[in-house]
Every structure is written in structure tokens, then in C-alpha cells.
Protein backbone atom coordinates (compact mmCIF):
# COMPACT_ATOMS: atom_id res chain seq x y z
CA MET A 1 -31.59 -13.98 -46.54
CA LYS A 2 -29.66 -10.71 -46.77
CA LEU A 3 -31.56 -9.12 -43.93
CA THR A 4 -30.70 -12.33 -41.74
CA HIS A 5 -27.21 -11.84 -42.63
CA ILE A 6 -26.87 -8.38 -41.20
CA PHE A 7 -29.22 -9.17 -38.07
CA SER A 8 -26.27 -11.97 -37.43
CA ASN A 9 -23.47 -9.51 -37.87
CA LYS A 10 -25.64 -7.19 -35.61
CA ILE A 11 -25.49 -9.82 -32.90
CA LYS A 12 -21.90 -11.04 -33.45
CA LEU A 13 -20.81 -7.50 -33.10
CA ILE A 14 -23.34 -6.96 -29.94
CA VAL A 15 -21.87 -9.97 -28.16
CA LEU A 16 -18.07 -8.81 -29.06
CA PHE A 17 -18.69 -5.73 -27.66
CA SER A 18 -20.54 -7.32 -24.60
CA ILE A 19 -17.29 -9.51 -24.19
CA ILE A 20 -14.65 -6.59 -24.29
CA PHE A 21 -17.11 -4.70 -21.93
CA LYS A 22 -17.48 -7.61 -19.11
CA SER A 23 -13.59 -8.25 -19.40
CA SER A 24 -12.65 -4.29 -18.87
CA ILE A 25 -15.19 -4.62 -15.79
CA VAL A 26 -13.32 -7.74 -14.59
CA PHE A 27 -9.90 -6.34 -15.12
CA SER A 28 -11.24 -2.68 -13.50
CA ASP A 29 -12.23 -4.89 -10.35
CA GLN A 30 -8.69 -7.20 -10.58
CA ASN A 31 -6.76 -3.85 -10.47
CA ILE A 32 -9.04 -1.99 -7.45
CA GLU A 33 -8.74 -5.14 -5.67
CA LYS A 34 -4.80 -4.96 -6.18
CA GLU A 35 -4.38 -1.41 -5.32
CA PHE A 36 -6.75 -1.61 -1.84
CA LYS A 37 -4.29 -4.34 -0.73
CA ASP A 38 -1.09 -2.32 -1.63
CA ILE A 39 -2.52 0.62 0.06
CA THR A 40 -4.38 -1.28 3.06
CA SER A 41 -1.05 -3.14 3.63
CA LYS A 42 0.82 0.29 4.02
CA LEU A 43 -1.18 1.38 6.90
CA ARG A 44 -0.97 0.34 10.63
CA CYS A 45 -4.49 -0.69 12.51
CA MET A 46 -4.57 1.85 15.33
CA THR A 47 -6.31 -0.19 17.30
CA CYS A 48 -4.37 -3.30 16.89
CA GLN A 49 -0.91 -1.53 16.06
CA ASN A 50 1.13 -4.05 14.94
CA GLN A 51 -1.25 -5.46 12.48
CA THR A 52 -2.01 -3.91 8.40
CA ILE A 53 -5.25 -2.72 8.27
CA TYR A 54 -5.60 -5.28 5.47
CA ASP A 55 -5.02 -8.00 8.08
CA SER A 56 -6.88 -6.83 10.89
CA GLU A 57 -10.65 -7.21 11.62
CA ALA A 58 -11.35 -4.80 13.78
CA ASP A 59 -14.01 -2.07 13.69
CA PHE A 60 -11.55 0.67 12.97
CA SER A 61 -9.63 -1.18 10.38
CA ILE A 62 -13.01 -1.88 8.72
CA ASN A 63 -14.50 1.53 8.83
CA ILE A 64 -11.01 2.74 6.70
CA LYS A 65 -11.14 -0.08 4.50
CA LYS A 66 -14.87 1.19 3.72
CA ILE A 67 -12.80 4.70 3.25
CA ILE A 68 -10.52 3.36 0.85
CA ARG A 69 -12.92 1.39 -1.09
CA GLN A 70 -15.29 4.18 -2.09
CA LYS A 71 -11.93 6.78 -2.84
CA LEU A 72 -10.81 3.79 -5.34
CA ASN A 73 -14.25 3.33 -6.91
CA SER A 74 -14.63 7.09 -7.04
CA GLY A 75 -11.30 7.15 -9.31
CA GLU A 76 -8.09 8.37 -6.40
CA ASN A 77 -5.14 7.32 -6.83
CA GLU A 78 -2.84 5.73 -3.78
CA LYS A 79 -1.20 8.78 -3.13
CA LYS A 80 -4.48 10.76 -2.58
CA ILE A 81 -5.92 8.09 -0.79
CA ILE A 82 -2.55 7.86 1.87
CA GLN A 83 -2.26 11.32 2.02
CA PHE A 84 -6.02 12.05 3.06
CA ILE A 85 -5.86 8.90 5.80
CA GLU A 86 -2.51 10.39 7.18
CA GLU A 87 -3.88 13.95 7.30
CA ARG A 88 -6.83 12.25 9.12
CA TYR A 89 -5.18 10.28 11.76
CA GLY A 90 -1.44 11.24 11.88
CA GLU A 91 1.92 9.96 10.61
CA TYR A 92 1.69 6.97 13.01
CA ILE A 93 -1.09 5.43 10.95
CA LEU A 94 2.08 4.85 8.61
CA PHE A 95 3.82 1.35 8.56
CA GLU A 96 7.02 3.40 7.32
CA PRO A 97 7.66 6.64 8.28
CA LYS A 98 8.85 9.10 5.67
CA PHE A 99 11.83 10.07 5.15
CA ASP A 100 12.22 14.04 5.68
CA LYS A 101 13.91 16.43 8.61
CA LYS A 102 11.39 14.94 11.33
CA ASN A 103 11.87 11.47 10.63
CA ILE A 104 16.07 11.70 10.25
CA PHE A 105 16.51 10.67 13.49
CA LEU A 106 14.61 7.19 12.80
CA TRP A 107 16.49 6.53 9.72
CA THR A 108 19.78 7.72 10.85
CA PHE A 109 20.01 6.10 14.37
CA PRO A 110 20.77 2.43 13.05
CA PHE A 111 23.91 3.39 11.41
CA ILE A 112 24.97 5.69 14.20
CA ILE A 113 24.53 2.37 16.52
CA LEU A 114 26.19 0.45 14.02
CA CYS A 115 28.78 2.87 13.61
CA LEU A 116 29.57 3.26 17.53
CA SER A 117 29.78 -0.40 17.61
CA LEU A 118 32.11 -0.71 15.60
CA VAL A 119 34.47 2.29 16.83
CA PHE A 120 33.85 0.04 20.36
CA LEU A 121 34.86 -3.05 19.09
CA PHE A 122 37.81 -1.61 17.57
CA ILE A 123 38.84 0.15 20.58
CA ARG A 124 38.24 -3.67 22.24
CA ILE A 125 40.49 -5.53 19.69
CA LYS A 126 42.84 -3.30 20.17
CA GLY A 127 43.14 -2.54 23.75
CA ASN A 128 43.46 -6.51 24.08
CA LYS A 129 46.44 -6.95 21.48
CA ASP A 130 48.21 -3.54 23.92
CA SER A 131 47.68 -5.63 26.83
CA LYS A 132 49.69 -8.75 25.84
């Protein structure tokens, strides 16, 4: 009786650990899929150019998806993977350009145009008031 009780407790313990292990694997897979979607959504397909790697089914995108999946499975983080892809294919592959000296014009140009338009509008309105 005591032997069956010990055996029963060991089976319960094994089942408990297997459930915990299985749930951690499922959680890990879900986490990898979320990271995979996040990373591939930030990258541009060089073939399609207006689609993300995630949305594209071009050969280029399929190859990049394989690389990203391998790197995620090997434990690399998002920042390292994006940096690797950027070094390999250039900054154009990023949908959102970095904010640095090289790209300062890209980030400031819309505000410069807005300010110039407001100045032009102000001058135009003032000119119309003066002519009346």
C-alpha cells in the first residue's frame, strides 16, 4: 500500500512537471511568434517595396523570414536581428528611418514645409487685408 502511494505521488509529480514544461514551451512559441511578427513588420520587402516582410510572399521575404526565425530560435533579441539585417541590406530595408544626422532632413522637412506654408498663408492674408 505504501509502495503504491509513493508510486502514485511520483506519477503525479511527473505529470505536473510535464504540464509545466509543455506550457512553458507553448508560451515560448507564442513569444517567438509575437517577436517574429514585430520584427518582420518593421522591415521592408526589397522586391515589393511597399509591403512589410511579414505581409510579402516574395522569395526575398521568405528568405528573410527564415533568417529571422533561425536567429529568434537561437536566442537573439530584436535589436541584434534588426541590426544584422540592416548591416546586410542597408537602412532602406527599415520602414522607419533612424533619427540621426544622416536622416535629420527626413524628420525635419515636413515641419519646415508646414512653417513655410503658415508664413506664406499669413503674408497672403495680411496682403489681402491691406489691399481692401
